[in-house]
Amino acid sequence: QVQLVESGGGLVQAGGSLRLSCAASGRIFNLNTMGWYRQAPGKQRELVASISSAGTTNYADSVLGRFTISRDNAKNTVYLQMNSLKPEDTAVYYCSVSLVYWGQGTQVTVSS
């Protein structure tokens, strides 16, 4: 059974920072691309950032330069460091293993 457990969401003022974490099952984690996605009310789920098993990263244009994805294979954890947050970053953030397995989501709210 693959489990992904996200943490680190919360309420922050615009310009602030948050760090999301996603702890995953070990065997799945090391061999797969991990991604962070988000879904705002009334909108489709979208890719925020992804990182391959080799460490290659990919970012949505809207977060480039503000967010950083990283992974710690020894801890089976992927992180999303979010800086210079904007109200439009408000959403539920999900982590995923290769778009097959999903976490329960963590709410990020950025106030103006």
PDB file of N, CA and C in Angstrom:
ATOM      1  N   GLN A   1       0.856  -1.194   0.000  1.00  0.00           N
ATOM      2  CA  GLN A   1       0.000   0.000   0.000  1.00  0.00           C
ATOM      3  C   GLN A   1       0.885   1.236   0.000  1.00  0.00           C
ATOM      4  N   VAL A   2       0.720   2.068  -1.006  1.00  0.00           N
ATOM      5  CA  VAL A   2       1.475   3.311  -1.098  1.00  0.00           C
ATOM      6  C   VAL A   2       0.758   4.389  -0.305  1.00  0.00           C
ATOM      7  N   GLN A   3       1.487   5.069   0.525  1.00  0.00           N
ATOM      8  CA  GLN A   3       0.912   6.182   1.289  1.00  0.00           C
ATOM      9  C   GLN A   3       1.760   7.428   1.103  1.00  0.00           C
ATOM     10  N   LEU A   4       1.090   8.541   0.889  1.00  0.00           N
ATOM     11  CA  LEU A   4       1.728   9.846   0.790  1.00  0.00           C
ATOM     12  C   LEU A   4       1.086  10.745   1.829  1.00  0.00           C
ATOM     13  N   VAL A   5       1.887  11.309   2.695  1.00  0.00           N
ATOM     14  CA  VAL A   5       1.369  12.155   3.769  1.00  0.00           C
ATOM     15  C   VAL A   5       1.995  13.537   3.653  1.00  0.00           C
ATOM     16  N   GLU A   6       1.147  14.529   3.348  1.00  0.00           N
ATOM     17  CA  GLU A   6       1.610  15.906   3.200  1.00  0.00           C
ATOM     18  C   GLU A   6       1.466  16.664   4.507  1.00  0.00           C
ATOM     19  N   SER A   7       2.323  17.663   4.679  1.00  0.00           N
ATOM     20  CA  SER A   7       2.235  18.546   5.836  1.00  0.00           C
ATOM     21  C   SER A   7       2.869  19.887   5.483  1.00  0.00           C
ATOM     22  N   GLY A   8       2.615  20.883   6.327  1.00  0.00           N
ATOM     23  CA  GLY A   8       3.277  22.168   6.163  1.00  0.00           C
ATOM     24  C   GLY A   8       2.415  23.288   5.635  1.00  0.00           C
ATOM     25  N   GLY A   9       1.170  22.988   5.273  1.00  0.00           N
ATOM     26  CA  GLY A   9       0.302  24.048   4.791  1.00  0.00           C
ATOM     27  C   GLY A   9      -0.137  24.965   5.918  1.00  0.00           C
ATOM     28  N   GLY A  10      -0.817  26.037   5.541  1.00  0.00           N
ATOM     29  CA  GLY A  10      -1.306  26.966   6.547  1.00  0.00           C
ATOM     30  C   GLY A  10      -1.686  28.294   5.951  1.00  0.00           C
ATOM     31  N   LEU A  11      -1.850  29.261   6.833  1.00  0.00           N
ATOM     32  CA  LEU A  11      -2.225  30.624   6.441  1.00  0.00           C
ATOM     33  C   LEU A  11      -0.997  31.520   6.561  1.00  0.00           C
ATOM     34  N   VAL A  12      -0.735  32.287   5.512  1.00  0.00           N
ATOM     35  CA  VAL A  12       0.420  33.170   5.505  1.00  0.00           C
ATOM     36  C   VAL A  12       0.066  34.455   4.764  1.00  0.00           C
ATOM     37  N   GLN A  13       0.715  35.538   5.120  1.00  0.00           N
ATOM     38  CA  GLN A  13       0.488  36.798   4.417  1.00  0.00           C
ATOM     39  C   GLN A  13       1.258  36.811   3.104  1.00  0.00           C
ATOM     40  N   ALA A  14       0.766  37.600   2.183  1.00  0.00           N
ATOM     41  CA  ALA A  14       1.464  37.758   0.908  1.00  0.00           C
ATOM     42  C   ALA A  14       2.911  38.189   1.146  1.00  0.00           C
ATOM     43  N   GLY A  15       3.813  37.569   0.395  1.00  0.00           N
ATOM     44  CA  GLY A  15       5.235  37.821   0.568  1.00  0.00           C
ATOM     45  C   GLY A  15       5.915  36.854   1.514  1.00  0.00           C
ATOM     46  N   GLY A  16       5.127  36.084   2.227  1.00  0.00           N
ATOM     47  CA  GLY A  16       5.665  35.129   3.180  1.00  0.00           C
ATOM     48  C   GLY A  16       6.100  33.828   2.535  1.00  0.00           C
ATOM     49  N   SER A  17       6.493  32.885   3.393  1.00  0.00           N
ATOM     50  CA  SER A  17       7.019  31.604   2.922  1.00  0.00           C
ATOM     51  C   SER A  17       6.374  30.445   3.671  1.00  0.00           C
ATOM     52  N   LEU A  18       6.314  29.330   3.000  1.00  0.00           N
ATOM     53  CA  LEU A  18       5.907  28.064   3.612  1.00  0.00           C
ATOM     54  C   LEU A  18       6.750  26.949   3.007  1.00  0.00           C
ATOM     55  N   ARG A  19       6.893  25.882   3.775  1.00  0.00           N
ATOM     56  CA  ARG A  19       7.590  24.709   3.263  1.00  0.00           C
ATOM     57  C   ARG A  19       6.682  23.495   3.423  1.00  0.00           C
ATOM     58  N   LEU A  20       6.327  22.884   2.307  1.00  0.00           N
ATOM     59  CA  LEU A  20       5.509  21.681   2.319  1.00  0.00           C
ATOM     60  C   LEU A  20       6.403  20.450   2.295  1.00  0.00           C
ATOM     61  N   SER A  21       5.940  19.404   2.974  1.00  0.00           N
ATOM     62  CA  SER A  21       6.645  18.130   2.977  1.00  0.00           C
ATOM     63  C   SER A  21       5.687  17.026   2.577  1.00  0.00           C
ATOM     64  N   CYS A  22       6.216  15.997   1.936  1.00  0.00           N
ATOM     65  CA  CYS A  22       5.416  14.831   1.556  1.00  0.00           C
ATOM     66  C   CYS A  22       6.263  13.593   1.813  1.00  0.00           C
ATOM     67  N   ALA A  23       5.830  12.801   2.798  1.00  0.00           N
ATOM     68  CA  ALA A  23       6.522  11.569   3.137  1.00  0.00           C
ATOM     69  C   ALA A  23       5.866  10.413   2.387  1.00  0.00           C
ATOM     70  N   ALA A  24       6.672   9.601   1.718  1.00  0.00           N
ATOM     71  CA  ALA A  24       6.138   8.550   0.861  1.00  0.00           C
ATOM     72  C   ALA A  24       6.733   7.193   1.189  1.00  0.00           C
ATOM     73  N   SER A  25       6.059   6.147   0.695  1.00  0.00           N
ATOM     74  CA  SER A  25       6.565   4.782   0.810  1.00  0.00           C
ATOM     75  C   SER A  25       7.905   4.670   0.098  1.00  0.00           C
ATOM     76  N   GLY A  26       8.832   3.965   0.737  1.00  0.00           N
ATOM     77  CA  GLY A  26      10.200   3.999   0.252  1.00  0.00           C
ATOM     78  C   GLY A  26      10.412   3.426  -1.124  1.00  0.00           C
ATOM     79  N   ARG A  27       9.895   2.241  -1.376  1.00  0.00           N
ATOM     80  CA  ARG A  27      10.197   1.579  -2.628  1.00  0.00           C
ATOM     81  C   ARG A  27       9.644   2.356  -3.818  1.00  0.00           C
ATOM     82  N   ILE A  28       8.479   2.901  -3.650  1.00  0.00           N
ATOM     83  CA  ILE A  28       7.884   3.696  -4.718  1.00  0.00           C
ATOM     84  C   ILE A  28       8.664   4.994  -4.898  1.00  0.00           C
ATOM     85  N   PHE A  29       9.049   5.566  -3.804  1.00  0.00           N
ATOM     86  CA  PHE A  29       9.621   6.901  -3.832  1.00  0.00           C
ATOM     87  C   PHE A  29      10.887   6.959  -4.665  1.00  0.00           C
ATOM     88  N   ASN A  30      11.819   6.058  -4.426  1.00  0.00           N
ATOM     89  CA  ASN A  30      13.152   6.197  -5.006  1.00  0.00           C
ATOM     90  C   ASN A  30      13.175   6.060  -6.526  1.00  0.00           C
ATOM     91  N   LEU A  31      12.221   5.370  -7.097  1.00  0.00           N
ATOM     92  CA  LEU A  31      12.271   5.054  -8.512  1.00  0.00           C
ATOM     93  C   LEU A  31      11.386   5.951  -9.370  1.00  0.00           C
ATOM     94  N   ASN A  32      10.721   6.871  -8.763  1.00  0.00           N
ATOM     95  CA  ASN A  32       9.704   7.602  -9.507  1.00  0.00           C
ATOM     96  C   ASN A  32       9.840   9.116  -9.411  1.00  0.00           C
ATOM     97  N   THR A  33       9.215   9.748 -10.404  1.00  0.00           N
ATOM     98  CA  THR A  33       9.102  11.198 -10.374  1.00  0.00           C
ATOM     99  C   THR A  33       8.058  11.603  -9.343  1.00  0.00           C
ATOM    100  N   MET A  34       8.399  12.581  -8.546  1.00  0.00           N
ATOM    101  CA  MET A  34       7.480  13.137  -7.562  1.00  0.00           C
ATOM    102  C   MET A  34       7.040  14.510  -8.025  1.00  0.00           C
ATOM    103  N   GLY A  35       5.792  14.819  -7.728  1.00  0.00           N
ATOM    104  CA  GLY A  35       5.286  16.116  -8.151  1.00  0.00           C
ATOM    105  C   GLY A  35       4.398  16.760  -7.109  1.00  0.00           C
ATOM    106  N   TRP A  36       4.366  18.071  -7.146  1.00  0.00           N
ATOM    107  CA  TRP A  36       3.416  18.854  -6.364  1.00  0.00           C
ATOM    108  C   TRP A  36       2.402  19.470  -7.324  1.00  0.00           C
ATOM    109  N   TYR A  37       1.149  19.337  -6.993  1.00  0.00           N
ATOM    110  CA  TYR A  37       0.064  19.887  -7.783  1.00  0.00           C
ATOM    111  C   TYR A  37      -0.801  20.733  -6.854  1.00  0.00           C
ATOM    112  N   ARG A  38      -1.599  21.585  -7.440  1.00  0.00           N
ATOM    113  CA  ARG A  38      -2.517  22.374  -6.624  1.00  0.00           C
ATOM    114  C   ARG A  38      -3.844  22.543  -7.331  1.00  0.00           C
ATOM    115  N   GLN A  39      -4.874  22.739  -6.515  1.00  0.00           N
ATOM    116  CA  GLN A  39      -6.210  22.955  -7.066  1.00  0.00           C
ATOM    117  C   GLN A  39      -6.884  24.045  -6.261  1.00  0.00           C
ATOM    118  N   ALA A  40      -7.202  25.127  -6.937  1.00  0.00           N
ATOM    119  CA  ALA A  40      -7.924  26.230  -6.326  1.00  0.00           C
ATOM    120  C   ALA A  40      -9.418  26.028  -6.561  1.00  0.00           C
ATOM    121  N   PRO A  41     -10.268  26.633  -5.751  1.00  0.00           N
ATOM    122  CA  PRO A  41     -11.709  26.474  -5.918  1.00  0.00           C
ATOM    123  C   PRO A  41     -12.163  26.862  -7.322  1.00  0.00           C
ATOM    124  N   GLY A  42     -12.915  25.974  -7.942  1.00  0.00           N
ATOM    125  CA  GLY A  42     -13.449  26.247  -9.266  1.00  0.00           C
ATOM    126  C   GLY A  42     -12.457  26.085 -10.397  1.00  0.00           C
ATOM    127  N   LYS A  43     -11.251  25.616 -10.095  1.00  0.00           N
ATOM    128  CA  LYS A  43     -10.232  25.471 -11.127  1.00  0.00           C
ATOM    129  C   LYS A  43      -9.756  24.027 -11.196  1.00  0.00           C
ATOM    130  N   GLN A  44      -9.121  23.705 -12.327  1.00  0.00           N
ATOM    131  CA  GLN A  44      -8.580  22.365 -12.487  1.00  0.00           C
ATOM    132  C   GLN A  44      -7.273  22.214 -11.704  1.00  0.00           C
ATOM    133  N   ARG A  45      -6.976  20.990 -11.366  1.00  0.00           N
ATOM    134  CA  ARG A  45      -5.701  20.704 -10.711  1.00  0.00           C
ATOM    135  C   ARG A  45      -4.569  20.963 -11.711  1.00  0.00           C
ATOM    136  N   GLU A  46      -3.516  21.611 -11.236  1.00  0.00           N
ATOM    137  CA  GLU A  46      -2.414  21.950 -12.115  1.00  0.00           C
ATOM    138  C   GLU A  46      -1.080  21.571 -11.493  1.00  0.00           C
ATOM    139  N   LEU A  47      -0.114  21.314 -12.382  1.00  0.00           N
ATOM    140  CA  LEU A  47       1.236  21.023 -11.922  1.00  0.00           C
ATOM    141  C   LEU A  47       1.881  22.276 -11.356  1.00  0.00           C
ATOM    142  N   VAL A  48       2.520  22.125 -10.207  1.00  0.00           N
ATOM    143  CA  VAL A  48       3.313  23.210  -9.631  1.00  0.00           C
ATOM    144  C   VAL A  48       4.786  22.966  -9.907  1.00  0.00           C
ATOM    145  N   ALA A  49       5.248  21.766  -9.556  1.00  0.00           N
ATOM    146  CA  ALA A  49       6.651  21.414  -9.759  1.00  0.00           C
ATOM    147  C   ALA A  49       6.798  19.905  -9.698  1.00  0.00           C
ATOM    148  N   SER A  50       7.820  19.398 -10.376  1.00  0.00           N
ATOM    149  CA  SER A  50       8.107  17.973 -10.317  1.00  0.00           C
ATOM    150  C   SER A  50       9.611  17.764 -10.243  1.00  0.00           C
ATOM    151  N   ILE A  51       9.987  16.591  -9.750  1.00  0.00           N
ATOM    152  CA  ILE A  51      11.402  16.238  -9.655  1.00  0.00           C
ATOM    153  C   ILE A  51      11.553  14.749  -9.939  1.00  0.00           C
ATOM    154  N   SER A  52      12.452  14.429 -10.864  1.00  0.00           N
ATOM    155  CA  SER A  52      12.657  13.038 -11.243  1.00  0.00           C
ATOM    156  C   SER A  52      13.538  12.325 -10.220  1.00  0.00           C
ATOM    157  N   SER A  53      13.663  11.038 -10.382  1.00  0.00           N
ATOM    158  CA  SER A  53      14.526  10.263  -9.489  1.00  0.00           C
ATOM    159  C   SER A  53      15.983  10.707  -9.597  1.00  0.00           C
ATOM    160  N   ALA A  54      16.334  11.279 -10.753  1.00  0.00           N
ATOM    161  CA  ALA A  54      17.700  11.764 -10.955  1.00  0.00           C
ATOM    162  C   ALA A  54      17.881  13.207 -10.505  1.00  0.00           C
ATOM    163  N   GLY A  55      16.788  13.841 -10.082  1.00  0.00           N
ATOM    164  CA  GLY A  55      16.880  15.206  -9.585  1.00  0.00           C
ATOM    165  C   GLY A  55      16.563  16.284 -10.594  1.00  0.00           C
ATOM    166  N   THR A  56      16.111  15.908 -11.769  1.00  0.00           N
ATOM    167  CA  THR A  56      15.713  16.900 -12.769  1.00  0.00           C
ATOM    168  C   THR A  56      14.400  17.547 -12.347  1.00  0.00           C
ATOM    169  N   THR A  57      14.367  18.868 -12.375  1.00  0.00           N
ATOM    170  CA  THR A  57      13.184  19.594 -11.900  1.00  0.00           C
ATOM    171  C   THR A  57      12.449  20.288 -13.038  1.00  0.00           C
ATOM    172  N   ASN A  58      11.171  20.522 -12.788  1.00  0.00           N
ATOM    173  CA  ASN A  58      10.315  21.201 -13.755  1.00  0.00           C
ATOM    174  C   ASN A  58       9.332  22.054 -12.957  1.00  0.00           C
ATOM    175  N   TYR A  59       9.092  23.298 -13.410  1.00  0.00           N
ATOM    176  CA  TYR A  59       8.227  24.212 -12.686  1.00  0.00           C
ATOM    177  C   TYR A  59       7.183  24.843 -13.602  1.00  0.00           C
ATOM    178  N   ALA A  60       6.044  25.114 -13.023  1.00  0.00           N
ATOM    179  CA  ALA A  60       5.070  25.936 -13.729  1.00  0.00           C
ATOM    180  C   ALA A  60       5.633  27.354 -13.848  1.00  0.00           C
ATOM    181  N   ASP A  61       5.302  28.018 -14.940  1.00  0.00           N
ATOM    182  CA  ASP A  61       5.804  29.380 -15.152  1.00  0.00           C
ATOM    183  C   ASP A  61       5.405  30.311 -14.004  1.00  0.00           C
ATOM    184  N   SER A  62       4.248  30.083 -13.444  1.00  0.00           N
ATOM    185  CA  SER A  62       3.717  30.984 -12.419  1.00  0.00           C
ATOM    186  C   SER A  62       4.503  30.931 -11.110  1.00  0.00           C
ATOM    187  N   VAL A  63       5.287  29.876 -10.908  1.00  0.00           N
ATOM    188  CA  VAL A  63       6.026  29.738  -9.645  1.00  0.00           C
ATOM    189  C   VAL A  63       7.535  29.773  -9.848  1.00  0.00           C
ATOM    190  N   LEU A  64       7.965  29.813 -11.087  1.00  0.00           N
ATOM    191  CA  LEU A  64       9.400  29.797 -11.387  1.00  0.00           C
ATOM    192  C   LEU A  64      10.102  30.961 -10.706  1.00  0.00           C
ATOM    193  N   GLY A  65      11.171  30.641 -10.007  1.00  0.00           N
ATOM    194  CA  GLY A  65      11.921  31.661  -9.286  1.00  0.00           C
ATOM    195  C   GLY A  65      11.432  31.910  -7.871  1.00  0.00           C
ATOM    196  N   ARG A  66      10.270  31.384  -7.538  1.00  0.00           N
ATOM    197  CA  ARG A  66       9.715  31.574  -6.181  1.00  0.00           C
ATOM    198  C   ARG A  66       9.644  30.264  -5.402  1.00  0.00           C
ATOM    199  N   PHE A  67       9.368  29.175  -6.090  1.00  0.00           N
ATOM    200  CA  PHE A  67       9.231  27.868  -5.449  1.00  0.00           C
ATOM    201  C   PHE A  67      10.429  26.988  -5.813  1.00  0.00           C
ATOM    202  N   THR A  68      10.789  26.101  -4.878  1.00  0.00           N
ATOM    203  CA  THR A  68      11.858  25.151  -5.120  1.00  0.00           C
ATOM    204  C   THR A  68      11.436  23.768  -4.638  1.00  0.00           C
ATOM    205  N   ILE A  69      11.509  22.795  -5.537  1.00  0.00           N
ATOM    206  CA  ILE A  69      11.201  21.421  -5.176  1.00  0.00           C
ATOM    207  C   ILE A  69      12.508  20.679  -4.927  1.00  0.00           C
ATOM    208  N   SER A  70      12.495  19.800  -3.939  1.00  0.00           N
ATOM    209  CA  SER A  70      13.677  18.996  -3.635  1.00  0.00           C
ATOM    210  C   SER A  70      13.221  17.665  -3.044  1.00  0.00           C
ATOM    211  N   ARG A  71      14.137  16.708  -3.011  1.00  0.00           N
ATOM    212  CA  ARG A  71      13.791  15.406  -2.454  1.00  0.00           C
ATOM    213  C   ARG A  71      14.956  14.885  -1.637  1.00  0.00           C
ATOM    214  N   ASP A  72      14.610  14.135  -0.610  1.00  0.00           N
ATOM    215  CA  ASP A  72      15.596  13.466   0.230  1.00  0.00           C
ATOM    216  C   ASP A  72      15.280  11.981   0.160  1.00  0.00           C
ATOM    217  N   ASN A  73      16.012  11.264  -0.668  1.00  0.00           N
ATOM    218  CA  ASN A  73      15.705   9.851  -0.872  1.00  0.00           C
ATOM    219  C   ASN A  73      15.910   9.035   0.402  1.00  0.00           C
ATOM    220  N   ALA A  74      16.834   9.444   1.241  1.00  0.00           N
ATOM    221  CA  ALA A  74      17.073   8.713   2.485  1.00  0.00           C
ATOM    222  C   ALA A  74      15.883   8.808   3.433  1.00  0.00           C
ATOM    223  N   LYS A  75      15.148   9.908   3.332  1.00  0.00           N
ATOM    224  CA  LYS A  75      13.982  10.121   4.201  1.00  0.00           C
ATOM    225  C   LYS A  75      12.675   9.876   3.464  1.00  0.00           C
ATOM    226  N   ASN A  76      12.769   9.471   2.192  1.00  0.00           N
ATOM    227  CA  ASN A  76      11.561   9.232   1.390  1.00  0.00           C
ATOM    228  C   ASN A  76      10.624  10.427   1.420  1.00  0.00           C
ATOM    229  N   THR A  77      11.193  11.599   1.285  1.00  0.00           N
ATOM    230  CA  THR A  77      10.411  12.823   1.433  1.00  0.00           C
ATOM    231  C   THR A  77      10.723  13.792   0.297  1.00  0.00           C
ATOM    232  N   VAL A  78       9.684  14.436  -0.176  1.00  0.00           N
ATOM    233  CA  VAL A  78       9.845  15.500  -1.157  1.00  0.00           C
ATOM    234  C   VAL A  78       9.333  16.790  -0.532  1.00  0.00           C
ATOM    235  N   TYR A  79      10.002  17.886  -0.844  1.00  0.00           N
ATOM    236  CA  TYR A  79       9.683  19.177  -0.248  1.00  0.00           C
ATOM    237  C   TYR A  79       9.303  20.190  -1.323  1.00  0.00           C
ATOM    238  N   LEU A  80       8.548  21.175  -0.913  1.00  0.00           N
ATOM    239  CA  LEU A  80       8.276  22.323  -1.774  1.00  0.00           C
ATOM    240  C   LEU A  80       8.471  23.585  -0.941  1.00  0.00           C
ATOM    241  N   GLN A  81       9.555  24.278  -1.177  1.00  0.00           N
ATOM    242  CA  GLN A  81       9.810  25.547  -0.518  1.00  0.00           C
ATOM    243  C   GLN A  81       9.138  26.643  -1.323  1.00  0.00           C
ATOM    244  N   MET A  82       8.237  27.368  -0.696  1.00  0.00           N
ATOM    245  CA  MET A  82       7.466  28.397  -1.376  1.00  0.00           C
ATOM    246  C   MET A  82       7.793  29.757  -0.765  1.00  0.00           C
ATOM    247  N   ASN A  83       8.383  30.618  -1.561  1.00  0.00           N
ATOM    248  CA  ASN A  83       8.733  31.963  -1.122  1.00  0.00           C
ATOM    249  C   ASN A  83       7.944  33.005  -1.909  1.00  0.00           C
ATOM    250  N   SER A  84       7.926  34.213  -1.407  1.00  0.00           N
ATOM    251  CA  SER A  84       7.223  35.319  -2.076  1.00  0.00           C
ATOM    252  C   SER A  84       5.808  34.905  -2.472  1.00  0.00           C
ATOM    253  N   LEU A  85       5.113  34.337  -1.550  1.00  0.00           N
ATOM    254  CA  LEU A  85       3.773  33.822  -1.832  1.00  0.00           C
ATOM    255  C   LEU A  85       2.810  34.947  -2.192  1.00  0.00           C
ATOM    256  N   LYS A  86       1.885  34.618  -3.091  1.00  0.00           N
ATOM    257  CA  LYS A  86       0.886  35.559  -3.576  1.00  0.00           C
ATOM    258  C   LYS A  86      -0.502  35.016  -3.280  1.00  0.00           C
ATOM    259  N   PRO A  87      -1.494  35.879  -3.184  1.00  0.00           N
ATOM    260  CA  PRO A  87      -2.864  35.387  -2.953  1.00  0.00           C
ATOM    261  C   PRO A  87      -3.304  34.349  -3.997  1.00  0.00           C
ATOM    262  N   GLU A  88      -2.827  34.476  -5.224  1.00  0.00           N
ATOM    263  CA  GLU A  88      -3.219  33.517  -6.262  1.00  0.00           C
ATOM    264  C   GLU A  88      -2.568  32.142  -6.078  1.00  0.00           C
ATOM    265  N   ASP A  89      -1.666  32.009  -5.107  1.00  0.00           N
ATOM    266  CA  ASP A  89      -1.115  30.699  -4.779  1.00  0.00           C
ATOM    267  C   ASP A  89      -2.037  29.915  -3.844  1.00  0.00           C
ATOM    268  N   THR A  90      -3.095  30.547  -3.377  1.00  0.00           N
ATOM    269  CA  THR A  90      -4.044  29.874  -2.492  1.00  0.00           C
ATOM    270  C   THR A  90      -4.674  28.684  -3.189  1.00  0.00           C
ATOM    271  N   ALA A  91      -4.576  27.520  -2.568  1.00  0.00           N
ATOM    272  CA  ALA A  91      -5.088  26.277  -3.156  1.00  0.00           C
ATOM    273  C   ALA A  91      -4.849  25.133  -2.181  1.00  0.00           C
ATOM    274  N   VAL A  92      -5.417  23.987  -2.522  1.00  0.00           N
ATOM    275  CA  VAL A  92      -5.034  22.744  -1.854  1.00  0.00           C
ATOM    276  C   VAL A  92      -3.872  22.157  -2.655  1.00  0.00           C
ATOM    277  N   TYR A  93      -2.804  21.856  -1.963  1.00  0.00           N
ATOM    278  CA  TYR A  93      -1.604  21.316  -2.598  1.00  0.00           C
ATOM    279  C   TYR A  93      -1.517  19.813  -2.342  1.00  0.00           C
ATOM    280  N   TYR A  94      -1.266  19.085  -3.430  1.00  0.00           N
ATOM    281  CA  TYR A  94      -1.187  17.632  -3.376  1.00  0.00           C
ATOM    282  C   TYR A  94       0.183  17.172  -3.860  1.00  0.00           C
ATOM    283  N   CYS A  95       0.709  16.117  -3.262  1.00  0.00           N
ATOM    284  CA  CYS A  95       1.885  15.492  -3.847  1.00  0.00           C
ATOM    285  C   CYS A  95       1.448  14.199  -4.528  1.00  0.00           C
ATOM    286  N   SER A  96       2.241  13.797  -5.509  1.00  0.00           N
ATOM    287  CA  SER A  96       1.887  12.640  -6.314  1.00  0.00           C
ATOM    288  C   SER A  96       3.134  11.864  -6.703  1.00  0.00           C
ATOM    289  N   VAL A  97       2.963  10.562  -6.842  1.00  0.00           N
ATOM    290  CA  VAL A  97       3.991   9.704  -7.410  1.00  0.00           C
ATOM    291  C   VAL A  97       3.549   9.349  -8.819  1.00  0.00           C
ATOM    292  N   SER A  98       4.240   9.926  -9.782  1.00  0.00           N
ATOM    293  CA  SER A  98       4.001   9.613 -11.193  1.00  0.00           C
ATOM    294  C   SER A  98       2.532   9.675 -11.583  1.00  0.00           C
ATOM    295  N   LEU A  99       1.771  10.538 -10.964  1.00  0.00           N
ATOM    296  CA  LEU A  99       0.348  10.746 -11.270  1.00  0.00           C
ATOM    297  C   LEU A  99      -0.507   9.518 -10.985  1.00  0.00           C
ATOM    298  N   VAL A 100       0.036   8.557 -10.271  1.00  0.00           N
ATOM    299  CA  VAL A 100      -0.716   7.346  -9.950  1.00  0.00           C
ATOM    300  C   VAL A 100      -1.213   7.393  -8.511  1.00  0.00           C
ATOM    301  N   TYR A 101      -0.334   7.752  -7.618  1.00  0.00           N
ATOM    302  CA  TYR A 101      -0.680   7.826  -6.197  1.00  0.00           C
ATOM    303  C   TYR A 101      -0.711   9.285  -5.766  1.00  0.00           C
ATOM    304  N   TRP A 102      -1.667   9.594  -4.883  1.00  0.00           N
ATOM    305  CA  TRP A 102      -1.872  10.973  -4.447  1.00  0.00           C
ATOM    306  C   TRP A 102      -1.996  11.044  -2.932  1.00  0.00           C
ATOM    307  N   GLY A 103      -1.516  12.148  -2.386  1.00  0.00           N
ATOM    308  CA  GLY A 103      -1.732  12.425  -0.981  1.00  0.00           C
ATOM    309  C   GLY A 103      -3.106  13.016  -0.752  1.00  0.00           C
ATOM    310  N   GLN A 104      -3.405  13.312   0.505  1.00  0.00           N
ATOM    311  CA  GLN A 104      -4.726  13.814   0.865  1.00  0.00           C
ATOM    312  C   GLN A 104      -4.855  15.316   0.648  1.00  0.00           C
ATOM    313  N   GLY A 105      -3.746  15.983   0.460  1.00  0.00           N
ATOM    314  CA  GLY A 105      -3.761  17.421   0.212  1.00  0.00           C
ATOM    315  C   GLY A 105      -3.549  18.225   1.485  1.00  0.00           C
ATOM    316  N   THR A 106      -2.959  19.399   1.317  1.00  0.00           N
ATOM    317  CA  THR A 106      -2.771  20.325   2.427  1.00  0.00           C
ATOM    318  C   THR A 106      -3.139  21.736   1.941  1.00  0.00           C
ATOM    319  N   GLN A 107      -3.910  22.441   2.745  1.00  0.00           N
ATOM    320  CA  GLN A 107      -4.408  23.758   2.345  1.00  0.00           C
ATOM    321  C   GLN A 107      -3.347  24.828   2.541  1.00  0.00           C
ATOM    322  N   VAL A 108      -3.164  25.640   1.521  1.00  0.00           N
ATOM    323  CA  VAL A 108      -2.307  26.819   1.601  1.00  0.00           C
ATOM    324  C   VAL A 108      -3.182  28.031   1.305  1.00  0.00           C
ATOM    325  N   THR A 109      -3.203  28.958   2.235  1.00  0.00           N
ATOM    326  CA  THR A 109      -3.982  30.181   2.070  1.00  0.00           C
ATOM    327  C   THR A 109      -3.067  31.381   2.235  1.00  0.00           C
ATOM    328  N   VAL A 110      -3.059  32.251   1.225  1.00  0.00           N
ATOM    329  CA  VAL A 110      -2.222  33.440   1.243  1.00  0.00           C
ATOM    330  C   VAL A 110      -3.132  34.655   1.276  1.00  0.00           C
ATOM    331  N   SER A 111      -3.017  35.426   2.340  1.00  0.00           N
ATOM    332  CA  SER A 111      -3.865  36.610   2.490  1.00  0.00           C
ATOM    333  C   SER A 111      -3.163  37.838   1.925  1.00  0.00           C
ATOM    334  N   SER A 112      -3.965  38.757   1.430  1.00  0.00           N
ATOM    335  CA  SER A 112      -3.399  39.972   0.815  1.00  0.00           C
ATOM    336  C   SER A 112      -3.233  41.084   1.837  1.00  0.00           C
TER     337      SER A 112
END
